[in-house]
Protein backbone atom coordinates (compact mmCIF):
# COMPACT_ATOMS: atom_id res chain seq x y z
CA UNK A 1 -15.48 -3.25 -25.45
CA UNK A 2 -12.38 -4.16 -23.49
CA UNK A 3 -11.59 -2.57 -20.27
CA UNK A 4 -8.14 -0.76 -20.37
CA UNK A 5 -5.07 -2.16 -18.28
CA UNK A 6 -3.61 0.60 -15.96
CA UNK A 7 -1.40 -1.62 -13.45
CA UNK A 8 2.43 -2.83 -14.39
CA UNK A 9 1.66 -5.96 -12.88
CA UNK A 10 5.13 -6.84 -12.33
CA UNK A 11 6.07 -7.75 -8.79
CA UNK A 12 8.26 -5.62 -7.02
CA UNK A 13 10.95 -6.87 -4.71
CA UNK A 14 10.52 -4.30 -1.55
CA UNK A 15 6.42 -4.77 -1.67
CA UNK A 16 7.02 -8.88 -1.89
CA UNK A 17 9.04 -8.05 1.51
CA UNK A 18 6.23 -6.38 3.09
CA UNK A 19 4.02 -8.55 2.33
CA UNK A 20 5.73 -11.65 3.76
CA UNK A 21 6.14 -10.20 6.45
CA UNK A 22 3.14 -11.24 8.47
CA UNK A 23 2.51 -7.69 9.97
CA UNK A 24 -1.00 -7.87 8.67
CA UNK A 25 -3.05 -5.07 11.00
CA UNK A 26 -5.49 -7.94 12.04
CA UNK A 27 -2.66 -10.42 13.19
CA UNK A 28 -0.54 -7.39 15.18
CA UNK A 29 -3.48 -5.55 17.10
CA UNK A 30 -4.74 -8.54 19.38
CA UNK A 31 -0.81 -8.57 20.80
CA UNK A 32 -1.14 -4.99 21.59
CA UNK A 33 -5.07 -5.75 23.14
CA UNK A 34 -6.64 -3.23 20.40
CA UNK A 35 -9.30 -4.20 19.55
CA UNK A 36 -10.80 -1.54 16.53
CA UNK A 37 -10.71 -3.28 13.46
CA UNK A 38 -9.07 -0.64 11.34
CA UNK A 39 -5.26 0.06 11.44
CA UNK A 40 -4.47 3.27 12.71
CA UNK A 41 -2.83 4.51 9.24
CA UNK A 42 -5.73 3.98 7.37
CA UNK A 43 -7.07 7.13 7.41
CA UNK A 44 -3.64 8.78 6.63
CA UNK A 45 -4.18 6.17 3.51
CA UNK A 46 -7.59 7.68 2.76
CA UNK A 47 -6.36 10.95 2.80
CA UNK A 48 -3.01 10.86 0.93
CA UNK A 49 -5.76 9.00 -1.93
CA UNK A 50 -7.95 12.24 -2.04
CA UNK A 51 -4.92 14.60 -2.21
CA UNK A 52 -3.65 12.40 -5.14
CA UNK A 53 -6.92 12.51 -6.83
CA UNK A 54 -7.05 16.72 -6.28
CA UNK A 55 -3.66 17.59 -7.22
CA UNK A 56 -4.61 15.21 -10.21
CA UNK A 57 -0.96 12.94 -9.69
CA UNK A 58 -3.61 9.87 -9.29
CA UNK A 59 -7.25 10.31 -10.32
CA UNK A 60 -9.45 8.53 -7.95
CA UNK A 61 -10.93 5.68 -10.79
CA UNK A 62 -7.53 5.64 -12.02
CA UNK A 63 -6.28 4.34 -9.07
CA UNK A 64 -9.36 2.08 -8.24
CA UNK A 65 -8.91 0.45 -11.56
CA UNK A 66 -5.19 -0.19 -10.98
CA UNK A 67 -6.19 -1.17 -7.06
CA UNK A 68 -8.33 -3.85 -8.50
CA UNK A 69 -6.13 -5.34 -10.91
CA UNK A 70 -3.33 -5.48 -8.19
CA UNK A 71 -5.55 -7.08 -5.99
CA UNK A 72 -6.79 -10.02 -8.26
CA UNK A 73 -3.13 -10.19 -9.74
CA UNK A 74 -0.35 -9.67 -7.14
CA UNK A 75 -1.77 -8.97 -3.64
CA UNK A 76 -4.98 -11.48 -3.58
CA UNK A 77 -3.89 -13.12 -0.41
CA UNK A 78 -3.03 -10.04 1.68
CA UNK A 79 -5.73 -8.44 4.00
CA UNK A 80 -7.94 -5.21 2.59
CA UNK A 81 -6.25 -2.38 4.72
CA UNK A 82 -3.12 -3.23 3.86
CA UNK A 83 -3.97 -4.67 -0.16
CA UNK A 84 -4.62 -1.49 -0.23
CA UNK A 85 -1.63 0.73 1.09
CA UNK A 86 0.34 -2.15 -0.88
CA UNK A 87 -1.10 -1.38 -4.51
CA UNK A 88 -1.13 2.24 -3.86
CA UNK A 89 2.49 1.94 -3.29
CA UNK A 90 2.66 -0.17 -6.14
CA UNK A 91 0.74 2.47 -8.17
CA UNK A 92 3.48 5.53 -7.13
CA UNK A 93 6.70 3.34 -7.86
CA UNK A 94 5.71 1.97 -10.98
CA UNK A 95 4.89 6.02 -11.89
CA UNK A 96 7.78 7.10 -10.65
CA UNK A 97 6.07 9.13 -8.18
CA UNK A 98 8.47 7.40 -5.39
CA UNK A 99 11.69 6.34 -5.80
CA UNK A 100 12.14 2.76 -3.99
CA UNK A 101 15.15 3.09 -2.96
CA UNK A 102 14.31 6.18 -1.37
CA UNK A 103 11.16 4.50 0.47
CA UNK A 104 13.40 1.75 1.45
CA UNK A 105 15.33 4.13 2.92
CA UNK A 106 12.57 5.90 4.51
CA UNK A 107 11.05 2.64 5.78
CA UNK A 108 14.55 1.32 7.64
CA UNK A 109 14.38 5.39 9.47
CA UNK A 110 10.68 4.37 10.96
CA UNK A 111 11.24 0.78 11.51
CA UNK A 112 14.10 1.49 13.55
CA UNK A 113 12.41 4.43 15.61
CA UNK A 114 9.57 1.92 16.23
CA UNK A 115 12.13 -0.41 17.47
CA UNK A 116 13.94 1.59 20.07
CA UNK A 117 10.86 2.63 21.75
């Protein structure tokens, strides 16, 4: 029996740009003297995955299968915590639970706030 393909493995320009920025936690953390191996957003990522599962919007097994497919085909060179985050966003975009333009706009807003500090 073959496994059902869950993921749309087509690349997403916004996520490709993020992937190529070189801002993985293991690169950024030492610059700021942080020794915790887990990025500060990891807890929020886990909570978001749980909320999506409980609500039925993205059941855990579907998310994990899709994440595995995307990790192998699209995000293989990305470190683990960032790979999980990119796979989740990829899935949300493909399932139209998030709109790419809205996400890009929100990311610009957050980035400008961070750069203002």
